[in-house]
């Protein structure tokens, strides 16, 4: 598996917000009860996130981030599934056998 390819695919998933092929987005209940303007602002922050460091991205895959919005900590995470969405992907660098699931949640929901 190529970490560089995985990071590129994850960036495409995150910045296109589920429009990119083989991607899905899950918004948790805590996120969905926020006012629409806050939801939109958080999604934009997730899409623009580029503060990857050794501490928050130790494997270099660009698969996790934490942002602040109006004093609230928000997490986003990308997980890799097989096309059946019931098993993990065997090769996250192969978009034909991987569905990326982007989850956005309030840290308080973790």
PDB file of N, CA and C in Angstrom:
ATOM      1  N   UNK A   1       0.840  -1.187   0.000  1.00  0.00           N
ATOM      2  CA  UNK A   1       0.000   0.000   0.000  1.00  0.00           C
ATOM      3  C   UNK A   1       0.878   1.242   0.000  1.00  0.00           C
ATOM      4  N   UNK A   2       0.485   2.209  -0.746  1.00  0.00           N
ATOM      5  CA  UNK A   2       1.223   3.465  -0.833  1.00  0.00           C
ATOM      6  C   UNK A   2       0.557   4.525   0.041  1.00  0.00           C
ATOM      7  N   UNK A   3       1.270   4.980   1.055  1.00  0.00           N
ATOM      8  CA  UNK A   3       0.745   6.022   1.936  1.00  0.00           C
ATOM      9  C   UNK A   3       0.461   7.301   1.167  1.00  0.00           C
ATOM     10  N   UNK A   4       1.287   7.622   0.199  1.00  0.00           N
ATOM     11  CA  UNK A   4       1.090   8.831  -0.603  1.00  0.00           C
ATOM     12  C   UNK A   4      -0.229   8.762  -1.368  1.00  0.00           C
ATOM     13  N   UNK A   5      -0.524   7.622  -1.943  1.00  0.00           N
ATOM     14  CA  UNK A   5      -1.787   7.451  -2.679  1.00  0.00           C
ATOM     15  C   UNK A   5      -2.968   7.512  -1.719  1.00  0.00           C
ATOM     16  N   UNK A   6      -2.855   6.859  -0.563  1.00  0.00           N
ATOM     17  CA  UNK A   6      -3.931   6.879   0.426  1.00  0.00           C
ATOM     18  C   UNK A   6      -4.217   8.313   0.865  1.00  0.00           C
ATOM     19  N   UNK A   7      -3.168   9.073   1.159  1.00  0.00           N
ATOM     20  CA  UNK A   7      -3.349  10.463   1.577  1.00  0.00           C
ATOM     21  C   UNK A   7      -4.038  11.278   0.481  1.00  0.00           C
ATOM     22  N   UNK A   8      -3.628  11.068  -0.771  1.00  0.00           N
ATOM     23  CA  UNK A   8      -4.243  11.797  -1.887  1.00  0.00           C
ATOM     24  C   UNK A   8      -5.726  11.448  -2.013  1.00  0.00           C
ATOM     25  N   UNK A   9      -6.063  10.169  -1.924  1.00  0.00           N
ATOM     26  CA  UNK A   9      -7.459   9.745  -2.012  1.00  0.00           C
ATOM     27  C   UNK A   9      -8.269  10.275  -0.829  1.00  0.00           C
ATOM     28  N   UNK A  10      -7.677  10.278   0.348  1.00  0.00           N
ATOM     29  CA  UNK A  10      -8.376  10.815   1.516  1.00  0.00           C
ATOM     30  C   UNK A  10      -8.614  12.315   1.368  1.00  0.00           C
ATOM     31  N   UNK A  11      -7.630  13.029   0.851  1.00  0.00           N
ATOM     32  CA  UNK A  11      -7.813  14.465   0.624  1.00  0.00           C
ATOM     33  C   UNK A  11      -8.933  14.714  -0.388  1.00  0.00           C
ATOM     34  N   UNK A  12      -8.988  13.904  -1.427  1.00  0.00           N
ATOM     35  CA  UNK A  12     -10.065  14.050  -2.416  1.00  0.00           C
ATOM     36  C   UNK A  12     -11.420  13.768  -1.784  1.00  0.00           C
ATOM     37  N   UNK A  13     -11.494  12.742  -0.973  1.00  0.00           N
ATOM     38  CA  UNK A  13     -12.745  12.405  -0.281  1.00  0.00           C
ATOM     39  C   UNK A  13     -13.201  13.571   0.595  1.00  0.00           C
ATOM     40  N   UNK A  14     -12.292  14.092   1.382  1.00  0.00           N
ATOM     41  CA  UNK A  14     -12.609  15.145   2.339  1.00  0.00           C
ATOM     42  C   UNK A  14     -12.958  16.459   1.651  1.00  0.00           C
ATOM     43  N   UNK A  15     -12.195  16.840   0.645  1.00  0.00           N
ATOM     44  CA  UNK A  15     -12.434  18.128   0.003  1.00  0.00           C
ATOM     45  C   UNK A  15     -13.654  18.112  -0.908  1.00  0.00           C
ATOM     46  N   UNK A  16     -13.972  16.963  -1.476  1.00  0.00           N
ATOM     47  CA  UNK A  16     -15.162  16.854  -2.327  1.00  0.00           C
ATOM     48  C   UNK A  16     -16.405  16.499  -1.521  1.00  0.00           C
ATOM     49  N   UNK A  17     -16.204  16.194  -0.234  1.00  0.00           N
ATOM     50  CA  UNK A  17     -17.286  15.918   0.710  1.00  0.00           C
ATOM     51  C   UNK A  17     -18.293  14.894   0.191  1.00  0.00           C
ATOM     52  N   UNK A  18     -17.761  13.727  -0.148  1.00  0.00           N
ATOM     53  CA  UNK A  18     -18.633  12.627  -0.520  1.00  0.00           C
ATOM     54  C   UNK A  18     -19.042  12.588  -1.973  1.00  0.00           C
ATOM     55  N   UNK A  19     -18.680  13.588  -2.751  1.00  0.00           N
ATOM     56  CA  UNK A  19     -19.039  13.595  -4.170  1.00  0.00           C
ATOM     57  C   UNK A  19     -18.062  12.747  -4.967  1.00  0.00           C
ATOM     58  N   UNK A  20     -16.855  12.622  -4.481  1.00  0.00           N
ATOM     59  CA  UNK A  20     -15.840  11.818  -5.156  1.00  0.00           C
ATOM     60  C   UNK A  20     -16.289  10.354  -5.170  1.00  0.00           C
ATOM     61  N   UNK A  21     -16.017   9.615  -6.243  1.00  0.00           N
ATOM     62  CA  UNK A  21     -16.470   8.218  -6.333  1.00  0.00           C
ATOM     63  C   UNK A  21     -16.004   7.381  -5.133  1.00  0.00           C
ATOM     64  N   UNK A  22     -16.847   6.455  -4.739  1.00  0.00           N
ATOM     65  CA  UNK A  22     -16.573   5.528  -3.640  1.00  0.00           C
ATOM     66  C   UNK A  22     -16.320   6.225  -2.314  1.00  0.00           C
ATOM     67  N   UNK A  23     -17.087   7.260  -2.057  1.00  0.00           N
ATOM     68  CA  UNK A  23     -17.020   7.919  -0.762  1.00  0.00           C
ATOM     69  C   UNK A  23     -18.425   8.062  -0.182  1.00  0.00           C
ATOM     70  N   UNK A  24     -18.489   8.052   1.127  1.00  0.00           N
ATOM     71  CA  UNK A  24     -19.743   8.265   1.843  1.00  0.00           C
ATOM     72  C   UNK A  24     -19.438   9.237   2.973  1.00  0.00           C
ATOM     73  N   UNK A  25     -20.469   9.938   3.439  1.00  0.00           N
ATOM     74  CA  UNK A  25     -20.326  10.871   4.547  1.00  0.00           C
ATOM     75  C   UNK A  25     -21.363  10.533   5.606  1.00  0.00           C
ATOM     76  N   UNK A  26     -20.921  10.507   6.856  1.00  0.00           N
ATOM     77  CA  UNK A  26     -21.817  10.321   7.990  1.00  0.00           C
ATOM     78  C   UNK A  26     -21.682  11.540   8.889  1.00  0.00           C
ATOM     79  N   UNK A  27     -22.810  12.129   9.213  1.00  0.00           N
ATOM     80  CA  UNK A  27     -22.864  13.256  10.137  1.00  0.00           C
ATOM     81  C   UNK A  27     -23.587  12.756  11.386  1.00  0.00           C
ATOM     82  N   UNK A  28     -22.950  12.871  12.525  1.00  0.00           N
ATOM     83  CA  UNK A  28     -23.515  12.324  13.753  1.00  0.00           C
ATOM     84  C   UNK A  28     -24.699  13.158  14.242  1.00  0.00           C
ATOM     85  N   UNK A  29     -25.522  12.586  15.125  1.00  0.00           N
ATOM     86  CA  UNK A  29     -26.693  13.322  15.626  1.00  0.00           C
ATOM     87  C   UNK A  29     -26.351  14.675  16.251  1.00  0.00           C
ATOM     88  N   UNK A  30     -25.259  14.731  17.011  1.00  0.00           N
ATOM     89  CA  UNK A  30     -24.870  16.009  17.610  1.00  0.00           C
ATOM     90  C   UNK A  30     -24.550  17.060  16.575  1.00  0.00           C
ATOM     91  N   UNK A  31     -23.925  16.641  15.490  1.00  0.00           N
ATOM     92  CA  UNK A  31     -23.615  17.572  14.405  1.00  0.00           C
ATOM     93  C   UNK A  31     -24.893  18.044  13.725  1.00  0.00           C
ATOM     94  N   UNK A  32     -25.814  17.132  13.462  1.00  0.00           N
ATOM     95  CA  UNK A  32     -27.005  17.483  12.682  1.00  0.00           C
ATOM     96  C   UNK A  32     -27.981  18.374  13.435  1.00  0.00           C
ATOM     97  N   UNK A  33     -27.856  18.488  14.769  1.00  0.00           N
ATOM     98  CA  UNK A  33     -28.762  19.399  15.487  1.00  0.00           C
ATOM     99  C   UNK A  33     -28.179  20.805  15.606  1.00  0.00           C
ATOM    100  N   UNK A  34     -26.947  20.983  15.119  1.00  0.00           N
ATOM    101  CA  UNK A  34     -26.380  22.329  15.098  1.00  0.00           C
ATOM    102  C   UNK A  34     -27.132  23.185  14.079  1.00  0.00           C
ATOM    103  N   UNK A  35     -27.154  24.487  14.272  1.00  0.00           N
ATOM    104  CA  UNK A  35     -27.782  25.363  13.278  1.00  0.00           C
ATOM    105  C   UNK A  35     -27.122  25.179  11.901  1.00  0.00           C
ATOM    106  N   UNK A  36     -27.896  25.305  10.836  1.00  0.00           N
ATOM    107  CA  UNK A  36     -27.351  25.111   9.483  1.00  0.00           C
ATOM    108  C   UNK A  36     -26.104  25.936   9.188  1.00  0.00           C
ATOM    109  N   UNK A  37     -26.043  27.175   9.667  1.00  0.00           N
ATOM    110  CA  UNK A  37     -24.857  28.000   9.413  1.00  0.00           C
ATOM    111  C   UNK A  37     -23.614  27.398  10.062  1.00  0.00           C
ATOM    112  N   UNK A  38     -23.772  26.842  11.261  1.00  0.00           N
ATOM    113  CA  UNK A  38     -22.643  26.191  11.925  1.00  0.00           C
ATOM    114  C   UNK A  38     -22.238  24.924  11.186  1.00  0.00           C
ATOM    115  N   UNK A  39     -23.216  24.137  10.747  1.00  0.00           N
ATOM    116  CA  UNK A  39     -22.905  22.928   9.982  1.00  0.00           C
ATOM    117  C   UNK A  39     -22.095  23.280   8.737  1.00  0.00           C
ATOM    118  N   UNK A  40     -22.546  24.281   8.029  1.00  0.00           N
ATOM    119  CA  UNK A  40     -21.868  24.698   6.802  1.00  0.00           C
ATOM    120  C   UNK A  40     -20.439  25.169   7.095  1.00  0.00           C
ATOM    121  N   UNK A  41     -20.277  25.938   8.149  1.00  0.00           N
ATOM    122  CA  UNK A  41     -18.947  26.449   8.505  1.00  0.00           C
ATOM    123  C   UNK A  41     -18.010  25.302   8.892  1.00  0.00           C
ATOM    124  N   UNK A  42     -18.523  24.312   9.610  1.00  0.00           N
ATOM    125  CA  UNK A  42     -17.705  23.165  10.010  1.00  0.00           C
ATOM    126  C   UNK A  42     -17.307  22.348   8.784  1.00  0.00           C
ATOM    127  N   UNK A  43     -18.243  22.090   7.904  1.00  0.00           N
ATOM    128  CA  UNK A  43     -17.934  21.342   6.681  1.00  0.00           C
ATOM    129  C   UNK A  43     -16.838  22.056   5.894  1.00  0.00           C
ATOM    130  N   UNK A  44     -16.928  23.378   5.790  1.00  0.00           N
ATOM    131  CA  UNK A  44     -15.899  24.132   5.080  1.00  0.00           C
ATOM    132  C   UNK A  44     -14.543  23.983   5.775  1.00  0.00           C
ATOM    133  N   UNK A  45     -14.528  24.012   7.098  1.00  0.00           N
ATOM    134  CA  UNK A  45     -13.270  23.835   7.836  1.00  0.00           C
ATOM    135  C   UNK A  45     -12.693  22.442   7.621  1.00  0.00           C
ATOM    136  N   UNK A  46     -13.550  21.436   7.563  1.00  0.00           N
ATOM    137  CA  UNK A  46     -13.090  20.071   7.295  1.00  0.00           C
ATOM    138  C   UNK A  46     -12.499  20.002   5.886  1.00  0.00           C
ATOM    139  N   UNK A  47     -13.179  20.569   4.926  1.00  0.00           N
ATOM    140  CA  UNK A  47     -12.694  20.548   3.547  1.00  0.00           C
ATOM    141  C   UNK A  47     -11.362  21.266   3.391  1.00  0.00           C
ATOM    142  N   UNK A  48     -11.149  22.330   4.137  1.00  0.00           N
ATOM    143  CA  UNK A  48      -9.925  23.132   4.018  1.00  0.00           C
ATOM    144  C   UNK A  48      -8.806  22.674   4.960  1.00  0.00           C
ATOM    145  N   UNK A  49      -9.093  21.700   5.809  1.00  0.00           N
ATOM    146  CA  UNK A  49      -8.107  21.267   6.805  1.00  0.00           C
ATOM    147  C   UNK A  49      -6.812  20.834   6.124  1.00  0.00           C
ATOM    148  N   UNK A  50      -5.703  21.373   6.593  1.00  0.00           N
ATOM    149  CA  UNK A  50      -4.406  20.957   6.054  1.00  0.00           C
ATOM    150  C   UNK A  50      -3.309  21.021   7.119  1.00  0.00           C
ATOM    151  N   UNK A  51      -3.722  20.967   8.370  1.00  0.00           N
ATOM    152  CA  UNK A  51      -2.787  21.064   9.496  1.00  0.00           C
ATOM    153  C   UNK A  51      -2.316  19.682   9.947  1.00  0.00           C
ATOM    154  N   UNK A  52      -1.831  18.907   9.011  1.00  0.00           N
ATOM    155  CA  UNK A  52      -1.364  17.565   9.346  1.00  0.00           C
ATOM    156  C   UNK A  52       0.040  17.645   9.931  1.00  0.00           C
ATOM    157  N   UNK A  53       0.219  16.975  11.060  1.00  0.00           N
ATOM    158  CA  UNK A  53       1.510  16.945  11.730  1.00  0.00           C
ATOM    159  C   UNK A  53       1.843  15.508  12.115  1.00  0.00           C
ATOM    160  N   UNK A  54       3.036  15.299  12.589  1.00  0.00           N
ATOM    161  CA  UNK A  54       3.437  13.976  13.067  1.00  0.00           C
ATOM    162  C   UNK A  54       2.537  13.531  14.227  1.00  0.00           C
ATOM    163  N   UNK A  55       2.073  14.485  15.033  1.00  0.00           N
ATOM    164  CA  UNK A  55       1.221  14.146  16.175  1.00  0.00           C
ATOM    165  C   UNK A  55      -0.180  13.707  15.770  1.00  0.00           C
ATOM    166  N   UNK A  56      -0.803  14.404  14.808  1.00  0.00           N
ATOM    167  CA  UNK A  56      -2.187  14.071  14.452  1.00  0.00           C
ATOM    168  C   UNK A  56      -2.303  13.194  13.204  1.00  0.00           C
ATOM    169  N   UNK A  57      -1.178  12.935  12.547  1.00  0.00           N
ATOM    170  CA  UNK A  57      -1.190  12.114  11.329  1.00  0.00           C
ATOM    171  C   UNK A  57       0.079  11.247  11.287  1.00  0.00           C
ATOM    172  N   UNK A  58       0.263  10.393  12.296  1.00  0.00           N
ATOM    173  CA  UNK A  58       1.526   9.649  12.403  1.00  0.00           C
ATOM    174  C   UNK A  58       1.804   8.706  11.236  1.00  0.00           C
ATOM    175  N   UNK A  59       0.766   8.264  10.532  1.00  0.00           N
ATOM    176  CA  UNK A  59       0.955   7.341   9.408  1.00  0.00           C
ATOM    177  C   UNK A  59       0.952   8.056   8.057  1.00  0.00           C
ATOM    178  N   UNK A  60       0.715   9.362   8.066  1.00  0.00           N
ATOM    179  CA  UNK A  60       0.760  10.147   6.836  1.00  0.00           C
ATOM    180  C   UNK A  60      -0.394   9.901   5.887  1.00  0.00           C
ATOM    181  N   UNK A  61      -1.527   9.403   6.403  1.00  0.00           N
ATOM    182  CA  UNK A  61      -2.659   9.063   5.537  1.00  0.00           C
ATOM    183  C   UNK A  61      -3.721  10.164   5.431  1.00  0.00           C
ATOM    184  N   UNK A  62      -3.591  11.226   6.194  1.00  0.00           N
ATOM    185  CA  UNK A  62      -4.578  12.318   6.175  1.00  0.00           C
ATOM    186  C   UNK A  62      -5.983  11.786   6.445  1.00  0.00           C
ATOM    187  N   UNK A  63      -6.101  10.940   7.469  1.00  0.00           N
ATOM    188  CA  UNK A  63      -7.381  10.284   7.750  1.00  0.00           C
ATOM    189  C   UNK A  63      -8.078  10.773   9.013  1.00  0.00           C
ATOM    190  N   UNK A  64      -7.545  11.799   9.674  1.00  0.00           N
ATOM    191  CA  UNK A  64      -8.146  12.307  10.904  1.00  0.00           C
ATOM    192  C   UNK A  64      -7.796  13.772  11.076  1.00  0.00           C
ATOM    193  N   UNK A  65      -8.730  14.512  11.659  1.00  0.00           N
ATOM    194  CA  UNK A  65      -8.448  15.893  12.004  1.00  0.00           C
ATOM    195  C   UNK A  65      -9.359  16.356  13.124  1.00  0.00           C
ATOM    196  N   UNK A  66      -8.903  17.347  13.844  1.00  0.00           N
ATOM    197  CA  UNK A  66      -9.690  17.980  14.900  1.00  0.00           C
ATOM    198  C   UNK A  66      -9.692  19.476  14.629  1.00  0.00           C
ATOM    199  N   UNK A  67     -10.862  20.066  14.695  1.00  0.00           N
ATOM    200  CA  UNK A  67     -10.998  21.498  14.472  1.00  0.00           C
ATOM    201  C   UNK A  67     -11.799  22.103  15.623  1.00  0.00           C
ATOM    202  N   UNK A  68     -11.698  23.393  15.771  1.00  0.00           N
ATOM    203  CA  UNK A  68     -12.508  24.126  16.743  1.00  0.00           C
ATOM    204  C   UNK A  68     -13.513  24.973  15.985  1.00  0.00           C
ATOM    205  N   UNK A  69     -14.727  25.009  16.517  1.00  0.00           N
ATOM    206  CA  UNK A  69     -15.760  25.866  15.935  1.00  0.00           C
ATOM    207  C   UNK A  69     -16.564  26.460  17.081  1.00  0.00           C
ATOM    208  N   UNK A  70     -16.478  27.754  17.221  1.00  0.00           N
ATOM    209  CA  UNK A  70     -17.197  28.471  18.286  1.00  0.00           C
ATOM    210  C   UNK A  70     -16.977  27.832  19.654  1.00  0.00           C
ATOM    211  N   UNK A  71     -15.737  27.457  19.922  1.00  0.00           N
ATOM    212  CA  UNK A  71     -15.405  26.869  21.214  1.00  0.00           C
ATOM    213  C   UNK A  71     -15.718  25.393  21.349  1.00  0.00           C
ATOM    214  N   UNK A  72     -16.230  24.780  20.306  1.00  0.00           N
ATOM    215  CA  UNK A  72     -16.579  23.349  20.319  1.00  0.00           C
ATOM    216  C   UNK A  72     -15.545  22.587  19.502  1.00  0.00           C
ATOM    217  N   UNK A  73     -15.018  21.510  20.056  1.00  0.00           N
ATOM    218  CA  UNK A  73     -14.074  20.650  19.337  1.00  0.00           C
ATOM    219  C   UNK A  73     -14.875  19.694  18.451  1.00  0.00           C
ATOM    220  N   UNK A  74     -14.465  19.594  17.191  1.00  0.00           N
ATOM    221  CA  UNK A  74     -15.119  18.724  16.212  1.00  0.00           C
ATOM    222  C   UNK A  74     -14.052  17.817  15.609  1.00  0.00           C
ATOM    223  N   UNK A  75     -14.372  16.526  15.510  1.00  0.00           N
ATOM    224  CA  UNK A  75     -13.472  15.553  14.902  1.00  0.00           C
ATOM    225  C   UNK A  75     -13.998  15.144  13.538  1.00  0.00           C
ATOM    226  N   UNK A  76     -13.102  14.835  12.627  1.00  0.00           N
ATOM    227  CA  UNK A  76     -13.472  14.151  11.387  1.00  0.00           C
ATOM    228  C   UNK A  76     -12.515  12.975  11.217  1.00  0.00           C
ATOM    229  N   UNK A  77     -13.018  11.893  10.638  1.00  0.00           N
ATOM    230  CA  UNK A  77     -12.238  10.667  10.496  1.00  0.00           C
ATOM    231  C   UNK A  77     -12.647   9.963   9.219  1.00  0.00           C
ATOM    232  N   UNK A  78     -11.673   9.407   8.514  1.00  0.00           N
ATOM    233  CA  UNK A  78     -11.959   8.600   7.320  1.00  0.00           C
ATOM    234  C   UNK A  78     -11.595   7.154   7.621  1.00  0.00           C
ATOM    235  N   UNK A  79     -12.554   6.263   7.380  1.00  0.00           N
ATOM    236  CA  UNK A  79     -12.340   4.820   7.530  1.00  0.00           C
ATOM    237  C   UNK A  79     -12.463   4.163   6.167  1.00  0.00           C
ATOM    238  N   UNK A  80     -11.859   2.984   6.041  1.00  0.00           N
ATOM    239  CA  UNK A  80     -11.787   2.283   4.756  1.00  0.00           C
ATOM    240  C   UNK A  80     -12.596   0.988   4.809  1.00  0.00           C
ATOM    241  N   UNK A  81     -13.525   0.846   3.885  1.00  0.00           N
ATOM    242  CA  UNK A  81     -14.365  -0.338   3.824  1.00  0.00           C
ATOM    243  C   UNK A  81     -14.268  -1.000   2.455  1.00  0.00           C
ATOM    244  N   UNK A  82     -14.547  -2.288   2.440  1.00  0.00           N
ATOM    245  CA  UNK A  82     -14.715  -3.014   1.182  1.00  0.00           C
ATOM    246  C   UNK A  82     -16.012  -2.519   0.541  1.00  0.00           C
ATOM    247  N   UNK A  83     -16.204  -2.724  -0.763  1.00  0.00           N
ATOM    248  CA  UNK A  83     -17.420  -2.233  -1.425  1.00  0.00           C
ATOM    249  C   UNK A  83     -18.724  -2.720  -0.795  1.00  0.00           C
ATOM    250  N   UNK A  84     -18.711  -3.859  -0.103  1.00  0.00           N
ATOM    251  CA  UNK A  84     -19.940  -4.332   0.535  1.00  0.00           C
ATOM    252  C   UNK A  84     -20.274  -3.551   1.808  1.00  0.00           C
ATOM    253  N   UNK A  85     -19.376  -2.683   2.240  1.00  0.00           N
ATOM    254  CA  UNK A  85     -19.535  -1.854   3.442  1.00  0.00           C
ATOM    255  C   UNK A  85     -19.708  -2.689   4.718  1.00  0.00           C
ATOM    256  N   UNK A  86     -19.345  -3.960   4.649  1.00  0.00           N
ATOM    257  CA  UNK A  86     -19.443  -4.833   5.812  1.00  0.00           C
ATOM    258  C   UNK A  86     -18.081  -5.284   6.317  1.00  0.00           C
ATOM    259  N   UNK A  87     -17.057  -5.065   5.535  1.00  0.00           N
ATOM    260  CA  UNK A  87     -15.713  -5.501   5.887  1.00  0.00           C
ATOM    261  C   UNK A  87     -14.735  -4.359   5.627  1.00  0.00           C
ATOM    262  N   UNK A  88     -13.591  -4.437   6.269  1.00  0.00           N
ATOM    263  CA  UNK A  88     -12.551  -3.458   6.010  1.00  0.00           C
ATOM    264  C   UNK A  88     -11.941  -3.677   4.643  1.00  0.00           C
ATOM    265  N   UNK A  89     -11.435  -2.623   4.055  1.00  0.00           N
ATOM    266  CA  UNK A  89     -10.766  -2.727   2.764  1.00  0.00           C
ATOM    267  C   UNK A  89      -9.431  -3.443   2.927  1.00  0.00           C
ATOM    268  N   UNK A  90      -9.103  -4.274   1.968  1.00  0.00           N
ATOM    269  CA  UNK A  90      -7.823  -4.971   1.993  1.00  0.00           C
ATOM    270  C   UNK A  90      -6.687  -4.084   1.516  1.00  0.00           C
ATOM    271  N   UNK A  91      -7.008  -3.044   0.748  1.00  0.00           N
ATOM    272  CA  UNK A  91      -5.970  -2.157   0.229  1.00  0.00           C
ATOM    273  C   UNK A  91      -6.551  -0.758   0.058  1.00  0.00           C
ATOM    274  N   UNK A  92      -6.343   0.093   1.057  1.00  0.00           N
ATOM    275  CA  UNK A  92      -6.911   1.446   1.037  1.00  0.00           C
ATOM    276  C   UNK A  92      -6.341   2.316  -0.080  1.00  0.00           C
ATOM    277  N   UNK A  93      -5.255   1.878  -0.713  1.00  0.00           N
ATOM    278  CA  UNK A  93      -4.700   2.655  -1.823  1.00  0.00           C
ATOM    279  C   UNK A  93      -5.352   2.307  -3.153  1.00  0.00           C
ATOM    280  N   UNK A  94      -6.240   1.313  -3.163  1.00  0.00           N
ATOM    281  CA  UNK A  94      -6.926   0.903  -4.384  1.00  0.00           C
ATOM    282  C   UNK A  94      -8.376   1.379  -4.340  1.00  0.00           C
ATOM    283  N   UNK A  95      -8.712   2.444  -5.074  1.00  0.00           N
ATOM    284  CA  UNK A  95     -10.072   2.974  -5.013  1.00  0.00           C
ATOM    285  C   UNK A  95     -11.141   2.024  -5.553  1.00  0.00           C
ATOM    286  N   UNK A  96     -10.744   1.030  -6.321  1.00  0.00           N
ATOM    287  CA  UNK A  96     -11.733   0.084  -6.840  1.00  0.00           C
ATOM    288  C   UNK A  96     -12.211  -0.894  -5.765  1.00  0.00           C
ATOM    289  N   UNK A  97     -11.383  -1.103  -4.740  1.00  0.00           N
ATOM    290  CA  UNK A  97     -11.796  -2.028  -3.692  1.00  0.00           C
ATOM    291  C   UNK A  97     -11.975  -1.335  -2.334  1.00  0.00           C
ATOM    292  N   UNK A  98     -12.076   0.007  -2.369  1.00  0.00           N
ATOM    293  CA  UNK A  98     -12.200   0.749  -1.121  1.00  0.00           C
ATOM    294  C   UNK A  98     -13.295   1.800  -1.217  1.00  0.00           C
ATOM    295  N   UNK A  99     -14.170   1.803  -0.219  1.00  0.00           N
ATOM    296  CA  UNK A  99     -15.131   2.881  -0.028  1.00  0.00           C
ATOM    297  C   UNK A  99     -14.643   3.666   1.179  1.00  0.00           C
ATOM    298  N   UNK A 100     -14.485   4.957   1.001  1.00  0.00           N
ATOM    299  CA  UNK A 100     -14.054   5.817   2.101  1.00  0.00           C
ATOM    300  C   UNK A 100     -15.283   6.374   2.804  1.00  0.00           C
ATOM    301  N   UNK A 101     -15.287   6.250   4.125  1.00  0.00           N
ATOM    302  CA  UNK A 101     -16.385   6.751   4.935  1.00  0.00           C
ATOM    303  C   UNK A 101     -15.857   7.894   5.796  1.00  0.00           C
ATOM    304  N   UNK A 102     -16.316   9.099   5.492  1.00  0.00           N
ATOM    305  CA  UNK A 102     -15.931  10.293   6.229  1.00  0.00           C
ATOM    306  C   UNK A 102     -16.991  10.555   7.290  1.00  0.00           C
ATOM    307  N   UNK A 103     -16.590  10.560   8.549  1.00  0.00           N
ATOM    308  CA  UNK A 103     -17.489  10.833   9.653  1.00  0.00           C
ATOM    309  C   UNK A 103     -17.106  12.164  10.293  1.00  0.00           C
ATOM    310  N   UNK A 104     -18.110  13.007  10.537  1.00  0.00           N
ATOM    311  CA  UNK A 104     -17.906  14.256  11.246  1.00  0.00           C
ATOM    312  C   UNK A 104     -18.741  14.201  12.520  1.00  0.00           C
ATOM    313  N   UNK A 105     -18.070  14.469  13.644  1.00  0.00           N
ATOM    314  CA  UNK A 105     -18.758  14.368  14.928  1.00  0.00           C
ATOM    315  C   UNK A 105     -18.236  15.399  15.909  1.00  0.00           C
ATOM    316  N   UNK A 106     -19.061  15.754  16.872  1.00  0.00           N
ATOM    317  CA  UNK A 106     -18.625  16.599  17.961  1.00  0.00           C
ATOM    318  C   UNK A 106     -17.758  15.764  18.883  1.00  0.00           C
ATOM    319  N   UNK A 107     -16.705  16.342  19.402  1.00  0.00           N
ATOM    320  CA  UNK A 107     -15.820  15.596  20.305  1.00  0.00           C
ATOM    321  C   UNK A 107     -16.596  15.070  21.512  1.00  0.00           C
ATOM    322  N   UNK A 108     -17.602  15.794  21.924  1.00  0.00           N
ATOM    323  CA  UNK A 108     -18.418  15.370  23.072  1.00  0.00           C
ATOM    324  C   UNK A 108     -19.201  14.089  22.795  1.00  0.00           C
ATOM    325  N   UNK A 109     -19.328  13.710  21.525  1.00  0.00           N
ATOM    326  CA  UNK A 109     -20.029  12.464  21.170  1.00  0.00           C
ATOM    327  C   UNK A 109     -19.110  11.262  21.192  1.00  0.00           C
ATOM    328  N   UNK A 110     -17.813  11.503  21.281  1.00  0.00           N
ATOM    329  CA  UNK A 110     -16.846  10.408  21.207  1.00  0.00           C
ATOM    330  C   UNK A 110     -16.881   9.557  22.448  1.00  0.00           C
TER     331      UNK A 110
END
